[in-house]
Amino acid sequence: MADITRYPFARHLRSTPTTHVVHHRRGKLAHSGTGQAFWFRPLSASLSEVPVDDRELPLVLHARTADFVDVTVQATVTFRVEDPELAATRVDFSLDATTGRWLGAPLQQLAGLLTETAQQHVLDVLAQLPLREVLVTGVALTRERITAGLTADSRLAQTGLALVDARVVAVRPAPDVEKALATPTREQLQTEADRATSQRRALAVERERAISENELQNQIELARREEQLVAQRGANQRRTAEEAAAADTVRATAEAEREERLALAHATATRLQGEADAGAEAARVAALAGTPPEVLLTLALREFAGQLPDVGTLVLTPDVVTGALTRLAAGGAR
């Protein structure tokens, strides 16, 4: 929008580099160009402002395929005013000399022109194709057809418009039709997912079975080794018992032989001692054979005294001495 400053009896206009201003004074061209700044009288001036920058126009186009299915085309058209002076003569870009605003809606007119033209080309290309082919190749076909059609359109050229670019975002049918078309694919994907789930479960079951078999084989092997261990322990204990019994037998035999030798030696020693005592006794008897009785009695008393315990003090009363002497005398008389 141009910036218009008001002064008494005159106005001053200043435009931007992206707008082309056309100034007619009393029907004659006074100024024309981008980035203009000039003085003008509002009563004798006619002003037009044409944007020359690139502008994007979103389009939502509706068409019907060869099998009578409605589809929606989402596209964006980029255009610019290539000949602003020509465009100012075909579309009302006139400005209010006081506010600097457009008196009409020129951009809406251009948008309507581009939309109707693009709609016509989309209808022509999609009406010849079935829905499935439209969904597969519709984006490329509509983009090429819109680009070629708008570039070659004479009405746009006569209006001073030029196409910069055309982009088609999507070509989509109604939601229920799209859902119906996606159902087979969805079902196929679900079937594949179920198959994968079944295979995964079967694989899990197989792995569990293999693990169970492996555990069972391990238990069997452990039981077999435990049996071998028990048998080996029994054999070891039996061997230990046998060796202990043999050792006890050897030890008992050795002990018996030792006892026997000791008994034999003791018997021999006793016999020899008896023989020696008997010889000594016989020799003593033989030695005492001719000894008087008094001497024998004395020897007997001495022997007897040797057998008595130790006596610290011996008290002999007259009665005891008298009795002993009496018995001794009696014995000597006999």
Protein backbone atom coordinates (compact mmCIF):
# COMPACT_ATOMS: atom_id res chain seq x y z
CA MET A 1 0.00 0.00 0.00
CA ALA A 2 1.32 3.41 -0.99
CA ASP A 3 2.04 5.99 1.68
CA ILE A 4 0.17 9.23 0.89
CA THR A 5 0.83 12.35 2.92
CA ARG A 6 -1.77 15.12 2.80
CA TYR A 7 -0.87 18.78 2.49
CA PRO A 8 -3.04 21.80 1.64
CA PHE A 9 -3.89 21.76 -2.07
CA ALA A 10 -1.48 18.80 -2.72
CA ARG A 11 -0.58 15.25 -1.82
CA HIS A 12 2.71 13.36 -1.70
CA LEU A 13 2.93 9.62 -2.60
CA ARG A 14 5.75 7.28 -1.68
CA SER A 15 5.67 3.64 -2.85
CA THR A 16 7.80 0.55 -2.13
CA PRO A 17 10.19 -1.27 -4.48
CA THR A 18 7.72 -4.15 -4.80
CA THR A 19 4.85 -2.05 -6.11
CA HIS A 20 4.46 -0.38 -9.46
CA VAL A 21 2.62 2.96 -9.35
CA VAL A 22 0.96 4.47 -12.42
CA HIS A 23 0.03 8.16 -12.21
CA HIS A 24 -2.17 9.78 -14.79
CA ARG A 25 -2.68 13.55 -14.74
CA ARG A 26 -5.73 14.72 -16.68
CA GLY A 27 -5.70 11.47 -18.66
CA LYS A 28 -2.02 11.57 -19.52
CA LEU A 29 0.68 9.37 -18.03
CA ALA A 30 2.75 11.37 -15.56
CA HIS A 31 4.64 8.71 -13.53
CA SER A 32 5.06 4.97 -13.93
CA GLY A 33 7.48 2.68 -12.11
CA THR A 34 8.43 0.98 -8.85
CA GLY A 35 9.55 2.86 -5.78
CA GLN A 36 7.99 6.13 -6.99
CA ALA A 37 7.77 9.27 -4.89
CA PHE A 38 6.04 12.35 -6.31
CA TRP A 39 3.62 15.19 -5.65
CA PHE A 40 0.15 15.20 -7.15
CA ARG A 41 -3.13 17.08 -6.98
CA PRO A 42 -5.97 14.77 -5.95
CA LEU A 43 -8.58 16.48 -8.16
CA SER A 44 -6.63 15.90 -11.37
CA ALA A 45 -4.73 12.66 -10.56
CA SER A 46 -5.60 9.04 -11.23
CA LEU A 47 -3.46 6.56 -9.26
CA SER A 48 -2.99 2.81 -9.70
CA GLU A 49 -0.73 0.56 -7.61
CA VAL A 50 0.17 -2.88 -8.97
CA PRO A 51 2.22 -5.31 -6.83
CA VAL A 52 5.10 -6.81 -8.78
CA ASP A 53 6.45 -9.22 -6.13
CA ASP A 54 5.94 -12.99 -6.26
CA ARG A 55 2.67 -14.01 -4.64
CA GLU A 56 1.47 -17.45 -3.63
CA LEU A 57 -2.13 -18.52 -4.10
CA PRO A 58 -3.30 -21.67 -2.26
CA LEU A 59 -5.82 -23.64 -4.30
CA VAL A 60 -8.32 -26.30 -3.28
CA LEU A 61 -9.76 -27.72 -6.48
CA HIS A 62 -12.49 -30.30 -6.89
CA ALA A 63 -12.77 -32.69 -9.83
CA ARG A 64 -14.41 -35.97 -10.81
CA THR A 65 -12.55 -38.98 -12.14
CA ALA A 66 -13.54 -41.19 -15.05
CA ASP A 67 -15.33 -43.57 -12.66
CA PHE A 68 -17.35 -40.68 -11.15
CA VAL A 69 -15.49 -40.30 -7.87
CA ASP A 70 -15.00 -36.81 -6.47
CA VAL A 71 -11.40 -35.92 -5.58
CA THR A 72 -9.81 -32.87 -4.02
CA VAL A 73 -6.60 -31.36 -5.35
CA GLN A 74 -4.50 -29.27 -2.98
CA ALA A 75 -2.10 -27.02 -4.87
CA THR A 76 -0.20 -23.75 -4.60
CA VAL A 77 0.37 -21.38 -7.53
CA THR A 78 3.11 -18.74 -7.43
CA PHE A 79 2.61 -15.82 -9.83
CA ARG A 80 3.59 -12.22 -10.38
CA VAL A 81 2.43 -9.26 -12.44
CA GLU A 82 4.88 -9.19 -15.33
CA ASP A 83 3.40 -6.14 -17.13
CA PRO A 84 1.99 -3.82 -14.44
CA GLU A 85 0.87 -1.11 -16.87
CA LEU A 86 -1.10 -3.70 -18.88
CA ALA A 87 -2.50 -5.21 -15.69
CA ALA A 88 -3.62 -1.75 -14.53
CA THR A 89 -5.68 -1.43 -17.73
CA ARG A 90 -7.33 -4.85 -17.34
CA VAL A 91 -7.89 -5.00 -13.57
CA ASP A 92 -8.93 -2.16 -11.28
CA PHE A 93 -5.80 -1.33 -9.23
CA SER A 94 -6.87 2.29 -8.64
CA LEU A 95 -6.00 3.94 -5.31
CA ASP A 96 -7.90 6.25 -3.02
CA ALA A 97 -5.99 9.54 -3.22
CA THR A 98 -6.63 10.18 0.47
CA THR A 99 -5.94 6.83 2.18
CA GLY A 100 -3.73 5.11 -0.39
CA ARG A 101 -5.91 1.98 -0.33
CA TRP A 102 -7.33 0.13 -3.29
CA LEU A 103 -10.82 1.16 -4.24
CA GLY A 104 -11.62 -2.39 -5.36
CA ALA A 105 -10.27 -5.91 -4.70
CA PRO A 106 -7.82 -6.53 -7.54
CA LEU A 107 -5.94 -9.39 -5.88
CA GLN A 108 -9.21 -11.27 -5.37
CA GLN A 109 -9.98 -10.83 -9.06
CA LEU A 110 -6.57 -12.21 -9.98
CA ALA A 111 -7.02 -15.11 -7.53
CA GLY A 112 -10.41 -15.91 -9.01
CA LEU A 113 -8.98 -15.84 -12.53
CA LEU A 114 -6.10 -18.16 -11.61
CA THR A 115 -8.36 -20.50 -9.64
CA GLU A 116 -10.91 -20.87 -12.44
CA THR A 117 -8.20 -21.43 -15.03
CA ALA A 118 -6.39 -24.02 -12.93
CA GLN A 119 -9.73 -25.69 -12.08
CA GLN A 120 -10.49 -26.11 -15.76
CA HIS A 121 -7.16 -27.77 -16.48
CA VAL A 122 -7.52 -30.09 -13.47
CA LEU A 123 -11.00 -31.12 -14.59
CA ASP A 124 -9.73 -31.88 -18.08
CA VAL A 125 -6.89 -34.14 -16.90
CA LEU A 126 -8.69 -36.00 -14.11
CA ALA A 127 -11.89 -36.66 -15.99
CA GLN A 128 -10.00 -39.05 -18.27
CA LEU A 129 -8.46 -41.21 -15.53
CA PRO A 130 -9.94 -43.75 -13.09
CA LEU A 131 -9.59 -43.20 -9.38
CA ARG A 132 -6.75 -45.65 -8.73
CA GLU A 133 -4.64 -44.16 -11.52
CA VAL A 134 -5.42 -40.66 -10.25
CA LEU A 135 -4.21 -41.58 -6.78
CA VAL A 136 -1.01 -43.03 -8.23
CA THR A 137 -0.08 -40.44 -10.88
CA GLY A 138 -2.50 -37.59 -10.18
CA VAL A 139 -0.03 -35.33 -8.37
CA ALA A 140 2.50 -35.27 -11.22
CA LEU A 141 -0.14 -35.06 -13.94
CA THR A 142 -2.06 -32.19 -12.37
CA ARG A 143 1.13 -30.26 -11.62
CA GLU A 144 2.31 -30.59 -15.22
CA ARG A 145 -1.12 -29.72 -16.61
CA ILE A 146 -1.56 -26.67 -14.35
CA THR A 147 1.93 -25.42 -15.19
CA ALA A 148 1.50 -25.90 -18.93
CA GLY A 149 -2.06 -24.55 -18.97
CA LEU A 150 -1.38 -21.37 -16.99
CA THR A 151 1.82 -20.68 -18.92
CA ALA A 152 0.06 -20.94 -22.27
CA ASP A 153 -3.19 -19.23 -21.23
CA SER A 154 -3.73 -16.15 -23.39
CA ARG A 155 -6.06 -14.44 -20.94
CA LEU A 156 -3.38 -14.42 -18.28
CA ALA A 157 -0.88 -13.05 -20.76
CA GLN A 158 -3.35 -10.33 -21.77
CA THR A 159 -3.80 -9.46 -18.09
CA GLY A 160 -0.04 -9.11 -17.63
CA LEU A 161 0.32 -12.13 -15.33
CA ALA A 162 3.16 -14.66 -15.43
CA LEU A 163 3.33 -18.06 -13.71
CA VAL A 164 6.38 -18.59 -11.52
CA ASP A 165 5.71 -22.04 -10.14
CA ALA A 166 2.94 -24.56 -9.51
CA ARG A 167 3.01 -27.19 -6.77
CA VAL A 168 0.48 -29.92 -6.11
CA VAL A 169 0.48 -31.15 -2.53
CA ALA A 170 -2.09 -33.95 -2.69
CA VAL A 171 -4.86 -35.50 -4.70
CA ARG A 172 -7.30 -37.16 -2.30
CA PRO A 173 -10.80 -38.62 -2.57
CA ALA A 174 -13.52 -38.28 0.04
CA PRO A 175 -12.60 -39.68 3.48
CA ASP A 176 -14.98 -42.66 3.23
CA VAL A 177 -13.66 -43.55 -0.25
CA GLU A 178 -10.07 -43.19 0.94
CA LYS A 179 -10.83 -45.39 3.92
CA ALA A 180 -12.44 -48.01 1.68
CA LEU A 181 -9.43 -47.98 -0.64
CA ALA A 182 -7.08 -48.31 2.30
CA THR A 183 -9.04 -51.23 3.78
CA PRO A 184 -7.49 -54.00 1.60
CA THR A 185 -4.01 -52.68 2.28
CA ARG A 186 -4.80 -52.35 5.96
CA GLU A 187 -6.21 -55.88 6.04
CA GLN A 188 -3.16 -57.20 4.19
CA LEU A 189 -0.86 -55.45 6.61
CA GLN A 190 -2.90 -56.80 9.52
CA THR A 191 -2.71 -60.29 8.03
CA GLU A 192 1.04 -59.98 7.65
CA ALA A 193 1.25 -58.67 11.21
CA ASP A 194 -0.83 -61.61 12.46
CA ARG A 195 1.35 -64.00 10.48
CA ALA A 196 4.46 -62.41 11.94
CA THR A 197 2.93 -62.63 15.42
CA SER A 198 2.08 -66.30 14.87
CA GLN A 199 5.56 -67.02 13.58
CA ARG A 200 7.05 -65.18 16.53
CA ARG A 201 4.87 -67.15 18.94
CA ALA A 202 5.71 -70.43 17.18
CA LEU A 203 9.39 -69.54 17.34
CA ALA A 204 9.02 -68.70 21.02
CA VAL A 205 7.26 -72.03 21.65
CA GLU A 206 9.98 -73.86 19.73
CA ARG A 207 12.66 -72.08 21.72
CA GLU A 208 10.87 -72.90 24.97
CA ARG A 209 10.61 -76.54 23.90
CA ALA A 210 14.31 -76.59 23.03
CA ILE A 211 15.12 -74.99 26.38
CA SER A 212 12.93 -77.54 28.20
CA GLU A 213 14.58 -80.42 26.34
CA ASN A 214 17.98 -79.00 27.10
CA GLU A 215 17.08 -78.67 30.78
CA LEU A 216 15.74 -82.26 30.77
CA GLN A 217 18.93 -83.54 29.14
CA ASN A 218 20.93 -81.62 31.72
CA GLN A 219 18.89 -83.17 34.53
CA ILE A 220 19.35 -86.65 33.05
CA GLU A 221 23.08 -86.06 32.71
CA LEU A 222 23.24 -84.74 36.27
CA ALA A 223 21.28 -87.77 37.55
CA ARG A 224 23.63 -90.13 35.67
CA ARG A 225 26.67 -88.40 37.05
CA GLU A 226 25.13 -88.40 40.52
CA GLU A 227 24.55 -92.15 40.17
CA GLN A 228 28.17 -92.58 39.16
CA LEU A 229 29.20 -90.43 42.10
CA VAL A 230 27.10 -92.50 44.53
CA ALA A 231 28.52 -95.73 43.10
CA GLN A 232 32.04 -94.37 43.30
CA ARG A 233 31.46 -93.21 46.87
CA GLY A 234 30.08 -96.68 47.80
CA ALA A 235 33.08 -98.35 46.18
CA ASN A 236 35.41 -95.98 48.00
CA GLN A 237 33.66 -96.61 51.32
CA ARG A 238 33.71 -100.38 50.69
CA ARG A 239 37.37 -100.26 49.82
CA THR A 240 38.01 -98.14 52.88
CA ALA A 241 36.10 -100.62 55.08
CA GLU A 242 37.95 -103.55 53.54
CA GLU A 243 41.27 -101.86 54.02
CA ALA A 244 40.29 -100.92 57.60
CA ALA A 245 39.19 -104.53 58.29
CA ALA A 246 42.44 -105.85 56.84
CA ALA A 247 44.38 -103.39 58.93
CA ASP A 248 42.41 -104.40 62.04
CA THR A 249 43.11 -108.06 61.24
CA VAL A 250 46.78 -107.39 60.81
CA ARG A 251 46.81 -105.30 63.97
CA ALA A 252 44.87 -107.97 65.95
CA THR A 253 47.18 -110.70 64.66
CA ALA A 254 50.21 -108.68 65.58
CA GLU A 255 48.73 -107.92 69.01
CA ALA A 256 47.89 -111.58 69.58
CA GLU A 257 51.34 -112.67 68.53
CA ARG A 258 52.85 -110.02 70.83
CA GLU A 259 50.63 -111.12 73.72
CA GLU A 260 51.53 -114.72 73.02
CA ARG A 261 55.23 -113.91 73.01
CA LEU A 262 54.84 -111.86 76.19
CA ALA A 263 52.87 -114.66 77.85
CA LEU A 264 55.46 -117.20 76.74
CA ALA A 265 58.28 -115.02 78.00
CA HIS A 266 56.46 -114.39 81.28
CA ALA A 267 55.79 -118.12 81.70
CA THR A 268 59.39 -118.89 80.95
CA ALA A 269 60.52 -116.23 83.39
CA THR A 270 58.11 -117.51 86.05
CA ARG A 271 59.26 -121.07 85.49
CA LEU A 272 62.88 -120.08 85.72
CA GLN A 273 62.17 -117.94 88.76
CA GLY A 274 60.31 -120.87 90.38
CA GLU A 275 63.12 -123.22 89.56
CA ALA A 276 65.62 -120.73 90.97
CA ASP A 277 63.53 -120.20 94.12
CA ALA A 278 63.05 -123.95 94.48
CA GLY A 279 66.80 -124.50 94.10
CA ALA A 280 67.55 -121.75 96.58
CA GLU A 281 64.97 -123.11 99.02
CA ALA A 282 66.36 -126.62 98.59
CA ALA A 283 69.86 -125.36 99.16
CA ARG A 284 68.77 -123.46 102.25
CA VAL A 285 66.88 -126.47 103.62
CA ALA A 286 69.88 -128.58 102.93
CA ALA A 287 72.03 -126.04 104.71
CA LEU A 288 69.72 -126.00 107.76
CA ALA A 289 69.29 -129.72 108.00
CA GLY A 290 71.75 -130.13 110.86
CA THR A 291 71.07 -126.87 112.64
CA PRO A 292 69.84 -126.95 116.25
CA PRO A 293 66.25 -125.96 116.95
CA GLU A 294 67.21 -122.87 118.91
CA VAL A 295 69.08 -121.53 115.95
CA LEU A 296 66.17 -122.33 113.74
CA LEU A 297 63.87 -120.50 116.09
CA THR A 298 66.13 -117.53 116.07
CA LEU A 299 66.27 -117.53 112.30
CA ALA A 300 62.53 -117.84 112.21
CA LEU A 301 62.10 -114.88 114.52
CA ARG A 302 64.49 -112.85 112.47
CA GLU A 303 62.58 -113.76 109.36
CA PHE A 304 59.36 -112.92 111.08
CA ALA A 305 60.78 -109.64 112.29
CA GLY A 306 61.73 -108.80 108.76
CA GLN A 307 58.11 -109.18 107.78
CA LEU A 308 56.75 -106.91 110.56
CA PRO A 309 56.12 -103.24 109.95
CA ASP A 310 58.50 -100.63 111.32
CA VAL A 311 58.17 -100.18 115.11
CA GLY A 312 59.33 -96.93 116.55
CA THR A 313 59.25 -97.89 120.28
CA LEU A 314 58.95 -101.35 121.79
CA VAL A 315 57.98 -101.64 125.43
CA LEU A 316 58.70 -105.00 127.07
CA THR A 317 56.96 -105.54 130.31
CA PRO A 318 58.13 -108.10 132.82
CA ASP A 319 55.09 -110.22 132.08
CA VAL A 320 55.89 -110.39 128.40
CA VAL A 321 59.54 -111.17 128.99
CA THR A 322 58.75 -113.77 131.60
CA GLY A 323 56.23 -115.46 129.33
CA ALA A 324 58.59 -115.47 126.40
CA LEU A 325 61.44 -116.86 128.43
CA THR A 326 59.14 -119.49 129.90
CA ARG A 327 58.05 -120.60 126.45
CA LEU A 328 61.60 -120.50 125.20
CA ALA A 329 62.74 -122.64 128.15
CA ALA A 330 59.91 -125.02 127.61
CA GLY A 331 60.82 -125.38 124.03
CA GLY A 332 64.42 -125.99 124.88
CA ALA A 333 63.42 -128.68 127.40
CA ARG A 334 61.57 -130.51 124.76
